[in-house]
C-alpha atoms as a PDB file:
ATOM      1  CA  MET A   1       0.000   0.000   0.000  1.00  0.00           C
ATOM      2  CA  GLU A   2       2.771   2.424   0.890  1.00  0.00           C
ATOM      3  CA  LEU A   3       4.572   1.621  -2.360  1.00  0.00           C
ATOM      4  CA  HIS A   4       1.396   2.329  -4.332  1.00  0.00           C
ATOM      5  CA  GLN A   5       0.965   5.713  -2.643  1.00  0.00           C
ATOM      6  CA  LEU A   6       4.591   6.552  -3.391  1.00  0.00           C
ATOM      7  CA  ASN A   7       4.099   5.677  -7.067  1.00  0.00           C
ATOM      8  CA  VAL A   8       0.985   7.864  -7.182  1.00  0.00           C
ATOM      9  CA  ALA A   9       2.889  10.794  -5.657  1.00  0.00           C
ATOM     10  CA  LEU A  10       5.808  10.392  -8.050  1.00  0.00           C
ATOM     11  CA  GLY A  11       3.425  10.178 -11.000  1.00  0.00           C
ATOM     12  CA  ALA A  12       1.640  13.352  -9.928  1.00  0.00           C
ATOM     13  CA  LEU A  13       4.981  15.117  -9.507  1.00  0.00           C
ATOM     14  CA  GLN A  14       6.076  14.014 -12.971  1.00  0.00           C
ATOM     15  CA  VAL A  15       2.874  15.381 -14.513  1.00  0.00           C
ATOM     16  CA  LEU A  16       3.356  18.668 -12.647  1.00  0.00           C
ATOM     17  CA  ARG A  17       6.943  19.058 -13.886  1.00  0.00           C
ATOM     18  CA  SER A  18       5.889  18.271 -17.447  1.00  0.00           C
ATOM     19  CA  ASN A  19       3.145  20.903 -17.448  1.00  0.00           C
ATOM     20  CA  VAL A  20       5.409  23.494 -15.793  1.00  0.00           C
ATOM     21  CA  SER A  21       7.925  22.869 -18.584  1.00  0.00           C
ATOM     22  CA  GLN A  22       5.148  23.553 -21.099  1.00  0.00           C
ATOM     23  CA  VAL A  23       4.478  26.896 -19.409  1.00  0.00           C
ATOM     24  CA  PHE A  24       8.123  27.972 -19.656  1.00  0.00           C
ATOM     25  CA  GLU A  25       8.354  26.659 -23.204  1.00  0.00           C
ATOM     26  CA  SER A  26       5.315  28.716 -24.196  1.00  0.00           C
ATOM     27  CA  LEU A  27       6.798  31.799 -22.535  1.00  0.00           C
ATOM     28  CA  GLY A  28      10.139  31.198 -24.232  1.00  0.00           C
ATOM     29  CA  ASN A  29       8.615  30.830 -27.692  1.00  0.00           C
ATOM     30  CA  GLY A  30       6.408  33.916 -27.301  1.00  0.00           C
ATOM     31  CA  LEU A  31       3.932  34.820 -30.016  1.00  0.00           C
ATOM     32  CA  ARG A  32       3.836  32.138 -32.699  1.00  0.00           C
ATOM     33  CA  SER A  33       2.498  32.012 -36.222  1.00  0.00           C
ATOM     34  CA  ASP A  34      -0.312  29.652 -35.193  1.00  0.00           C
ATOM     35  CA  HIS A  35      -1.746  32.440 -33.024  1.00  0.00           C
ATOM     36  CA  GLY A  36      -2.803  34.161 -36.252  1.00  0.00           C
ATOM     37  CA  GLU A  37      -2.681  37.867 -37.048  1.00  0.00           C
ATOM     38  CA  ASP A  38      -5.854  39.011 -35.273  1.00  0.00           C
ATOM     39  CA  LEU A  39      -5.856  39.316 -31.472  1.00  0.00           C
ATOM     40  CA  LYS A  40      -2.746  37.176 -31.213  1.00  0.00           C
ATOM     41  CA  GLU A  41      -1.788  38.767 -27.881  1.00  0.00           C
ATOM     42  CA  SER A  42      -5.153  37.797 -26.410  1.00  0.00           C
ATOM     43  CA  LYS A  43      -4.830  34.254 -27.732  1.00  0.00           C
ATOM     44  CA  PHE A  44      -1.351  34.015 -26.230  1.00  0.00           C
ATOM     45  CA  ILE A  45      -2.614  35.182 -22.813  1.00  0.00           C
ATOM     46  CA  ILE A  46      -5.550  32.756 -22.928  1.00  0.00           C
ATOM     47  CA  GLU A  47      -3.156  29.928 -23.741  1.00  0.00           C
ATOM     48  CA  LEU A  48      -0.970  30.841 -20.748  1.00  0.00           C
ATOM     49  CA  GLN A  49      -4.012  31.028 -18.482  1.00  0.00           C
ATOM     50  CA  ASP A  50      -5.084  27.530 -19.534  1.00  0.00           C
ATOM     51  CA  LEU A  51      -1.589  26.184 -18.904  1.00  0.00           C
ATOM     52  CA  LEU A  52      -1.360  27.845 -15.489  1.00  0.00           C
ATOM     53  CA  SER A  53      -4.796  26.505 -14.546  1.00  0.00           C
ATOM     54  CA  THR A  54      -3.611  23.009 -15.428  1.00  0.00           C
ATOM     55  CA  VAL A  55      -0.466  23.519 -13.327  1.00  0.00           C
ATOM     56  CA  ASN A  56      -2.623  24.667 -10.391  1.00  0.00           C
ATOM     57  CA  VAL A  57      -4.715  21.488 -10.601  1.00  0.00           C
ATOM     58  CA  ASN A  58      -1.571  19.378 -10.838  1.00  0.00           C
ATOM     59  CA  LEU A  59      -0.136  21.124  -7.775  1.00  0.00           C
ATOM     60  CA  ARG A  60      -3.220  20.259  -5.732  1.00  0.00           C
ATOM     61  CA  ASP A  61      -2.904  16.627  -6.889  1.00  0.00           C
ATOM     62  CA  VAL A  62       0.718  16.561  -5.736  1.00  0.00           C
ATOM     63  CA  GLU A  63      -0.146  18.077  -2.348  1.00  0.00           C
ATOM     64  CA  GLN A  64      -2.934  15.543  -1.862  1.00  0.00           C
ATOM     65  CA  ALA A  65      -0.706  12.632  -2.870  1.00  0.00           C
ATOM     66  CA  VAL A  66       2.104  13.796  -0.565  1.00  0.00           C
ATOM     67  CA  SER A  67      -0.300  14.196   2.354  1.00  0.00           C
ATOM     68  CA  ASN A  68      -1.236  10.505   1.995  1.00  0.00           C
ATOM     69  CA  LEU A  69       2.375   9.410   2.334  1.00  0.00           C
ATOM     70  CA  GLN A  70       3.742   8.161   5.606  1.00  0.00           C
ATOM     71  CA  SER A  71       7.126   9.144   6.957  1.00  0.00           C
ATOM     72  CA  PRO A  72       9.781   6.422   6.549  1.00  0.00           C
ATOM     73  CA  PRO A  73      10.387   4.446   9.731  1.00  0.00           C
ATOM     74  CA  GLY A  74      14.115   5.102   9.644  1.00  0.00           C
ATOM     75  CA  ALA A  75      17.198   5.719   7.559  1.00  0.00           C
ATOM     76  CA  PHE A  76      18.365   3.590   4.650  1.00  0.00           C
ATOM     77  CA  SER A  77      19.367   0.095   5.661  1.00  0.00           C
ATOM     78  CA  LEU A  78      22.974  -0.687   4.786  1.00  0.00           C
ATOM     79  CA  GLY A  79      23.504  -3.851   6.772  1.00  0.00           C
ATOM     80  CA  ASN A  80      25.997  -3.591   9.606  1.00  0.00           C
ATOM     81  CA  THR A  81      26.758   0.014   8.665  1.00  0.00           C
ATOM     82  CA  THR A  82      23.468   0.907  10.366  1.00  0.00           C
ATOM     83  CA  TYR A  83      25.354   0.841  13.674  1.00  0.00           C
ATOM     84  CA  LEU A  84      27.338   3.872  12.529  1.00  0.00           C
ATOM     85  CA  SER A  85      24.244   6.007  13.133  1.00  0.00           C
ATOM     86  CA  GLN A  86      24.266   4.946  16.786  1.00  0.00           C
ATOM     87  CA  GLU A  87      27.674   6.459  17.452  1.00  0.00           C
ATOM     88  CA  THR A  88      27.691   8.953  20.286  1.00  0.00           C
ATOM     89  CA  THR A  89      30.831  10.703  19.087  1.00  0.00           C
ATOM     90  CA  GLN A  90      29.943  13.847  17.148  1.00  0.00           C
ATOM     91  CA  GLU A  91      32.660  13.292  14.524  1.00  0.00           C
ATOM     92  CA  ARG A  92      31.392   9.783  13.685  1.00  0.00           C
ATOM     93  CA  GLN A  93      27.681  10.566  13.485  1.00  0.00           C
ATOM     94  CA  ALA A  94      28.134  12.086  10.015  1.00  0.00           C
ATOM     95  CA  LEU A  95      29.676   8.886   8.630  1.00  0.00           C
ATOM     96  CA  TYR A  96      26.329   7.232   7.994  1.00  0.00           C
ATOM     97  CA  SER A  97      24.871  10.000   5.804  1.00  0.00           C
ATOM     98  CA  GLN A  98      28.175  10.299   3.948  1.00  0.00           C
ATOM     99  CA  LEU A  99      28.177   6.558   3.341  1.00  0.00           C
ATOM    100  CA  VAL A 100      24.633   6.708   1.937  1.00  0.00           C
ATOM    101  CA  ASN A 101      25.699   9.458  -0.457  1.00  0.00           C
ATOM    102  CA  SER A 102      28.750   7.428  -1.457  1.00  0.00           C
ATOM    103  CA  TYR A 103      26.570   4.429  -2.309  1.00  0.00           C
ATOM    104  CA  LYS A 104      24.275   6.615  -4.411  1.00  0.00           C
ATOM    105  CA  TRP A 105      27.245   8.199  -6.180  1.00  0.00           C
ATOM    106  CA  THR A 106      28.792   4.790  -6.878  1.00  0.00           C
ATOM    107  CA  ASP A 107      25.519   3.476  -8.319  1.00  0.00           C
ATOM    108  CA  LYS A 108      25.306   6.478 -10.657  1.00  0.00           C
ATOM    109  CA  ILE A 109      28.911   5.988 -11.786  1.00  0.00           C
ATOM    110  CA  HIS A 110      28.153   2.329 -12.494  1.00  0.00           C
ATOM    111  CA  ASP A 111      25.086   3.231 -14.574  1.00  0.00           C
ATOM    112  CA  TYR A 112      26.927   5.946 -16.496  1.00  0.00           C
ATOM    113  CA  SER A 113      29.860   3.596 -17.137  1.00  0.00           C
ATOM    114  CA  ASN A 114      27.565   0.958 -18.606  1.00  0.00           C
ATOM    115  CA  LEU A 115      26.000   3.570 -20.900  1.00  0.00           C
ATOM    116  CA  ALA A 116      29.431   4.844 -21.946  1.00  0.00           C
ATOM    117  CA  VAL A 117      30.649   1.324 -22.759  1.00  0.00           C
ATOM    118  CA  SER A 118      27.597   0.608 -24.901  1.00  0.00           C
ATOM    119  CA  LEU A 119      27.991   3.910 -26.790  1.00  0.00           C
ATOM    120  CA  LEU A 120      31.746   3.672 -27.285  1.00  0.00           C
ATOM    121  CA  SER A 121      31.497   0.080 -28.495  1.00  0.00           C
ATOM    122  CA  GLN A 122      29.307   1.344 -31.350  1.00  0.00           C
ATOM    123  CA  ASN A 123      31.757   4.104 -32.309  1.00  0.00           C
ATOM    124  CA  SER A 124      34.379   2.975 -34.804  1.00  0.00           C
ATOM    125  CA  LEU A 125      36.271   6.290 -34.758  1.00  0.00           C
ATOM    126  CA  LYS A 126      39.766   6.070 -33.326  1.00  0.00           C
ATOM    127  CA  ARG A 127      42.378   8.671 -32.551  1.00  0.00           C
ATOM    128  CA  SER A 128      44.878   7.040 -34.855  1.00  0.00           C
ATOM    129  CA  TYR A 129      46.408   7.683 -38.237  1.00  0.00           C
ATOM    130  CA  THR A 130      47.588   4.075 -38.599  1.00  0.00           C
ATOM    131  CA  SER A 131      45.735   1.779 -40.985  1.00  0.00           C
ATOM    132  CA  SER A 132      45.320  -1.729 -39.589  1.00  0.00           C
ATOM    133  CA  GLY A 133      44.625  -3.135 -43.062  1.00  0.00           C
ATOM    134  CA  SER A 134      47.933  -2.012 -44.500  1.00  0.00           C
ATOM    135  CA  ALA A 135      50.931  -4.284 -44.243  1.00  0.00           C
ATOM    136  CA  LYS A 136      53.306  -1.353 -44.515  1.00  0.00           C
ATOM    137  CA  ARG A 137      53.507   0.597 -41.283  1.00  0.00           C
ATOM    138  CA  ARG A 138      53.481   4.335 -41.524  1.00  0.00           C
ATOM    139  CA  ARG A 139      56.151   6.509 -40.019  1.00  0.00           C
ATOM    140  CA  THR A 140      55.538   7.074 -36.309  1.00  0.00           C
ATOM    141  CA  GLN A 141      53.911  10.438 -35.762  1.00  0.00           C
ATOM    142  CA  THR A 142      55.204  12.854 -33.171  1.00  0.00           C
ATOM    143  CA  SER A 143      53.087  12.516 -30.045  1.00  0.00           C
ATOM    144  CA  SER A 144      51.244  15.603 -28.880  1.00  0.00           C
ATOM    145  CA  HIS A 145      51.411  14.242 -25.311  1.00  0.00           C
ATOM    146  CA  ASN A 146      55.165  14.616 -24.839  1.00  0.00           C
ATOM    147  CA  VAL A 147      55.715  18.342 -25.241  1.00  0.00           C
ATOM    148  CA  LEU A 148      58.027  20.498 -23.187  1.00  0.00           C
ATOM    149  CA  PRO A 149      56.246  22.857 -20.756  1.00  0.00           C
ATOM    150  CA  GLU A 150      58.128  25.783 -22.335  1.00  0.00           C
ATOM    151  CA  ALA A 151      56.560  25.015 -25.727  1.00  0.00           C
ATOM    152  CA  VAL A 152      53.090  24.896 -24.168  1.00  0.00           C
ATOM    153  CA  ASP A 153      53.645  28.207 -22.371  1.00  0.00           C
ATOM    154  CA  ASN A 154      54.884  29.890 -25.554  1.00  0.00           C
ATOM    155  CA  LEU A 155      51.792  28.729 -27.445  1.00  0.00           C
ATOM    156  CA  ILE A 156      49.444  29.948 -24.695  1.00  0.00           C
ATOM    157  CA  VAL A 157      51.162  33.357 -24.593  1.00  0.00           C
ATOM    158  CA  SER A 158      50.824  33.705 -28.371  1.00  0.00           C
ATOM    159  CA  ILE A 159      47.119  32.821 -28.230  1.00  0.00           C
ATOM    160  CA  ASP A 160      46.522  35.168 -25.299  1.00  0.00           C
ATOM    161  CA  ARG A 161      47.936  38.074 -27.328  1.00  0.00           C
ATOM    162  CA  LEU A 162      45.441  37.479 -30.140  1.00  0.00           C
ATOM    163  CA  TYR A 163      42.348  38.437 -28.112  1.00  0.00           C
ATOM    164  CA  SER A 164      42.022  41.547 -25.990  1.00  0.00           C
ATOM    165  CA  ASP A 165      38.736  40.350 -24.485  1.00  0.00           C
ATOM    166  CA  MET A 166      39.902  36.858 -23.526  1.00  0.00           C
ATOM    167  CA  SER A 167      42.527  36.168 -20.874  1.00  0.00           C
ATOM    168  CA  ILE A 168      44.305  32.816 -20.456  1.00  0.00           C
ATOM    169  CA  THR A 169      46.125  31.947 -17.224  1.00  0.00           C
ATOM    170  CA  PRO A 170      48.132  28.678 -17.195  1.00  0.00           C
ATOM    171  CA  SER A 171      49.020  26.795 -14.021  1.00  0.00           C
ATOM    172  CA  ARG A 172      50.483  23.408 -13.096  1.00  0.00           C
ATOM    173  CA  PRO A 173      49.087  22.479  -9.665  1.00  0.00           C
ATOM    174  CA  PHE A 174      49.867  18.761  -9.798  1.00  0.00           C
ATOM    175  CA  THR A 175      52.088  17.683 -12.707  1.00  0.00           C
ATOM    176  CA  THR A 176      53.914  19.141 -15.692  1.00  0.00           C
ATOM    177  CA  ASN A 177      50.629  19.234 -17.617  1.00  0.00           C
ATOM    178  CA  ALA A 178      48.986  22.645 -17.729  1.00  0.00           C
ATOM    179  CA  ILE A 179      45.576  23.746 -16.485  1.00  0.00           C
ATOM    180  CA  LEU A 180      44.230  26.804 -18.309  1.00  0.00           C
ATOM    181  CA  GLN A 181      41.828  29.241 -16.674  1.00  0.00           C
ATOM    182  CA  ILE A 182      40.069  31.329 -19.315  1.00  0.00           C
ATOM    183  CA  THR A 183      37.938  34.421 -18.830  1.00  0.00           C
ATOM    184  CA  LEU A 184      35.937  35.495 -21.881  1.00  0.00           C
ATOM    185  CA  GLY A 185      34.838  39.093 -21.365  1.00  0.00           C
ATOM    186  CA  ARG A 186      32.106  39.181 -18.736  1.00  0.00           C
ATOM    187  CA  VAL A 187      30.285  36.279 -20.395  1.00  0.00           C
ATOM    188  CA  LEU A 188      31.825  33.066 -19.125  1.00  0.00           C
ATOM    189  CA  LYS A 189      34.806  31.344 -17.588  1.00  0.00           C
ATOM    190  CA  ALA A 190      36.360  28.053 -18.632  1.00  0.00           C
ATOM    191  CA  VAL A 191      38.938  25.668 -17.260  1.00  0.00           C
ATOM    192  CA  ILE A 192      40.828  23.423 -19.699  1.00  0.00           C
ATOM    193  CA  SER A 193      42.995  20.452 -18.775  1.00  0.00           C
ATOM    194  CA  LEU A 194      45.894  19.781 -21.147  1.00  0.00           C
ATOM    195  CA  LYS A 195      48.100  16.743 -21.575  1.00  0.00           C
ATOM    196  CA  GLY A 196      51.012  18.160 -23.454  1.00  0.00           C
ATOM    197  CA  LEU A 197      49.236  19.953 -26.298  1.00  0.00           C
ATOM    198  CA  MET A 198      46.181  17.713 -26.272  1.00  0.00           C
ATOM    199  CA  ILE A 199      42.984  19.067 -24.700  1.00  0.00           C
ATOM    200  CA  GLU A 200      41.716  16.405 -22.295  1.00  0.00           C
ATOM    201  CA  TRP A 201      38.769  18.089 -20.576  1.00  0.00           C
ATOM    202  CA  VAL A 202      36.806  21.328 -20.600  1.00  0.00           C
ATOM    203  CA  PHE A 203      34.412  22.899 -18.099  1.00  0.00           C
ATOM    204  CA  VAL A 204      32.517  26.108 -18.891  1.00  0.00           C
ATOM    205  CA  LYS A 205      30.800  28.145 -16.185  1.00  0.00           C
ATOM    206  CA  GLY A 206      29.200  31.519 -15.702  1.00  0.00           C
ATOM    207  CA  PHE A 207      31.299  34.626 -15.142  1.00  0.00           C
ATOM    208  CA  ASN A 208      30.384  34.789 -11.427  1.00  0.00           C
ATOM    209  CA  GLU A 209      30.822  31.061 -10.716  1.00  0.00           C
ATOM    210  CA  ILE A 210      33.809  29.390  -9.065  1.00  0.00           C
ATOM    211  CA  LEU A 211      35.997  27.420 -11.466  1.00  0.00           C
ATOM    212  CA  ASP A 212      37.101  23.827 -10.868  1.00  0.00           C
ATOM    213  CA  LEU A 213      37.496  20.588 -12.806  1.00  0.00           C
ATOM    214  CA  TRP A 214      34.890  18.592 -10.892  1.00  0.00           C
ATOM    215  CA  THR A 215      31.528  20.341 -10.700  1.00  0.00           C
ATOM    216  CA  GLU A 216      29.223  21.431 -13.497  1.00  0.00           C
ATOM    217  CA  SER A 217      27.748  24.895 -13.825  1.00  0.00           C
ATOM    218  CA  ARG A 218      24.486  25.520 -12.004  1.00  0.00           C
ATOM    219  CA  HIS A 219      23.182  27.232 -15.148  1.00  0.00           C
ATOM    220  CA  ARG A 220      21.723  25.129 -17.939  1.00  0.00           C
ATOM    221  CA  VAL A 221      23.105  27.389 -20.673  1.00  0.00           C
ATOM    222  CA  PHE A 222      26.716  26.848 -19.581  1.00  0.00           C
ATOM    223  CA  ARG A 223      26.198  23.107 -19.154  1.00  0.00           C
ATOM    224  CA  LYS A 224      25.068  23.049 -22.772  1.00  0.00           C
ATOM    225  CA  VAL A 225      28.126  25.085 -23.826  1.00  0.00           C
ATOM    226  CA  THR A 226      30.314  22.573 -21.961  1.00  0.00           C
ATOM    227  CA  GLU A 227      28.771  19.707 -23.947  1.00  0.00           C
ATOM    228  CA  ASN A 228      29.471  21.545 -27.187  1.00  0.00           C
ATOM    229  CA  ALA A 229      33.035  22.274 -26.033  1.00  0.00           C
ATOM    230  CA  HIS A 230      33.608  18.541 -25.614  1.00  0.00           C
ATOM    231  CA  ALA A 231      32.428  18.006 -29.199  1.00  0.00           C
ATOM    232  CA  ALA A 232      34.746  20.791 -30.390  1.00  0.00           C
ATOM    233  CA  MET A 233      37.640  19.307 -28.422  1.00  0.00           C
ATOM    234  CA  LEU A 234      37.291  16.052 -30.372  1.00  0.00           C
ATOM    235  CA  HIS A 235      36.634  17.806 -33.692  1.00  0.00           C
ATOM    236  CA  PHE A 236      39.796  19.924 -33.624  1.00  0.00           C
ATOM    237  CA  TYR A 237      42.045  17.153 -32.299  1.00  0.00           C
ATOM    238  CA  SER A 238      45.062  16.542 -34.539  1.00  0.00           C
ATOM    239  CA  PRO A 239      48.134  14.529 -33.477  1.00  0.00           C
ATOM    240  CA  THR A 240      50.105  15.841 -36.447  1.00  0.00           C
ATOM    241  CA  LEU A 241      49.293  19.538 -35.908  1.00  0.00           C
ATOM    242  CA  PRO A 242      48.685  19.902 -32.154  1.00  0.00           C
ATOM    243  CA  GLU A 243      49.417  23.648 -32.034  1.00  0.00           C
ATOM    244  CA  LEU A 244      46.915  24.351 -34.802  1.00  0.00           C
ATOM    245  CA  ALA A 245      44.356  22.172 -32.995  1.00  0.00           C
ATOM    246  CA  VAL A 246      44.671  24.210 -29.782  1.00  0.00           C
ATOM    247  CA  LYS A 247      44.539  27.521 -31.674  1.00  0.00           C
ATOM    248  CA  SER A 248      41.461  26.404 -33.598  1.00  0.00           C
ATOM    249  CA  PHE A 249      39.697  25.384 -30.391  1.00  0.00           C
ATOM    250  CA  MET A 250      40.516  28.712 -28.747  1.00  0.00           C
ATOM    251  CA  THR A 251      39.183  30.581 -31.783  1.00  0.00           C
ATOM    252  CA  TRP A 252      35.990  28.541 -31.573  1.00  0.00           C
ATOM    253  CA  LEU A 253      35.663  29.212 -27.828  1.00  0.00           C
ATOM    254  CA  HIS A 254      36.206  32.937 -28.383  1.00  0.00           C
ATOM    255  CA  SER A 255      33.145  33.008 -30.662  1.00  0.00           C
ATOM    256  CA  TYR A 256      30.989  32.758 -27.506  1.00  0.00           C
ATOM    257  CA  ILE A 257      31.820  36.382 -26.677  1.00  0.00           C
ATOM    258  CA  ASN A 258      28.376  37.222 -28.140  1.00  0.00           C
ATOM    259  CA  LEU A 259      26.578  34.300 -26.471  1.00  0.00           C
ATOM    260  CA  PHE A 260      23.682  36.424 -25.198  1.00  0.00           C
ATOM    261  CA  ASN A 261      23.653  39.016 -27.998  1.00  0.00           C
ATOM    262  CA  GLU A 262      23.898  37.123 -31.296  1.00  0.00           C
ATOM    263  CA  PRO A 263      20.667  35.678 -32.750  1.00  0.00           C
ATOM    264  CA  CYS A 264      20.358  32.229 -34.280  1.00  0.00           C
ATOM    265  CA  LYS A 265      21.587  32.144 -37.884  1.00  0.00           C
ATOM    266  CA  ARG A 266      18.670  29.965 -38.977  1.00  0.00           C
ATOM    267  CA  CYS A 267      15.552  31.105 -37.080  1.00  0.00           C
ATOM    268  CA  GLY A 268      16.709  34.643 -36.256  1.00  0.00           C
ATOM    269  CA  SER A 269      15.545  34.406 -32.627  1.00  0.00           C
ATOM    270  CA  HIS A 270      17.641  35.178 -29.584  1.00  0.00           C
ATOM    271  CA  ILE A 271      15.784  32.728 -27.303  1.00  0.00           C
ATOM    272  CA  HIS A 272      14.381  29.304 -28.120  1.00  0.00           C
ATOM    273  CA  ALA A 273      13.301  26.777 -25.488  1.00  0.00           C
ATOM    274  CA  ASN A 274      14.537  29.245 -22.827  1.00  0.00           C
ATOM    275  CA  LEU A 275      18.110  29.156 -24.179  1.00  0.00           C
ATOM    276  CA  PRO A 276      20.216  31.452 -26.388  1.00  0.00           C
ATOM    277  CA  PRO A 277      22.052  29.991 -29.415  1.00  0.00           C
ATOM    278  CA  THR A 278      24.566  27.710 -27.637  1.00  0.00           C
ATOM    279  CA  TRP A 279      26.035  26.002 -30.707  1.00  0.00           C
ATOM    280  CA  ARG A 280      28.844  27.490 -32.799  1.00  0.00           C
ATOM    281  CA  ASP A 281      29.605  26.055 -36.221  1.00  0.00           C
ATOM    282  CA  PHE A 282      33.129  24.613 -36.312  1.00  0.00           C
ATOM    283  CA  ARG A 283      33.929  26.172 -39.687  1.00  0.00           C
ATOM    284  CA  THR A 284      32.018  29.459 -39.852  1.00  0.00           C
ATOM    285  CA  LEU A 285      31.584  30.075 -36.081  1.00  0.00           C
ATOM    286  CA  GLU A 286      27.972  31.074 -36.733  1.00  0.00           C
ATOM    287  CA  ALA A 287      25.500  30.817 -33.839  1.00  0.00           C
ATOM    288  CA  PHE A 288      22.681  28.278 -33.849  1.00  0.00           C
ATOM    289  CA  HIS A 289      20.164  26.908 -31.385  1.00  0.00           C
ATOM    290  CA  GLU A 290      20.545  23.209 -30.675  1.00  0.00           C
ATOM    291  CA  GLU A 291      17.336  22.520 -32.602  1.00  0.00           C
ATOM    292  CA  CYS A 292      18.392  24.701 -35.567  1.00  0.00           C
ATOM    293  CA  LYS A 293      21.924  23.444 -36.208  1.00  0.00           C
ATOM    294  CA  HIS A 294      20.899  20.448 -38.355  1.00  0.00           C
END
């Protein structure tokens, strides 16, 4: 019975979230062509009123479903680790909640790893210029991993001089490989992990956010830019021309200086689905919404 009530509450919450998303989507799209030419503002307001009325009904359903739920009898059961919650020492009382979070985090990592394995097993692309079908081996290419730190610093200084509105600060907190902290105007910040002259990882965050290599941005727009930066990182990768690859990526990243000002090249709108154009074409650097880039 309790499980059924929980399923009802979760279902009601899912319906509420779906209808709230429709409200924000309608607000983001604004006046559309299907509203017609006559009294389109009135039709738009009536549509919003209907959506908000539906959300109000859904909210009452959620409140009613939650009121029928019973409080759990205790904390999560983790076998013998349950005794950790009975510790009287203040320092050890927090171990139980931390252990629960660790189990949840490990389960998520396991699920994500399984998804990554299934996706990568379907991808035949390899970072290699060697043909397995040829009997004659090609000449070994110079690795972009083994590059002197001085060469990396010289390249970063030369790129930093190209843009007056983008600053690049290299650091090496752990090894000889560089970590780049980038500030692009007052639009965004990025942190890039290099291995020699190969870009290994990129995180993009808002201008007022704290930079690190572990946590995503709290803003959806910069999480989407981070995803696109990962695609650009792979697109510009070149083991034979590593300096050109890094310069090309930096040029692409610099194109986000007009992230909130430049309209979509295809639809001409600044906002679509509550987001600005977060995609930049690799060749032309033109701005597109995610739905308009294809």
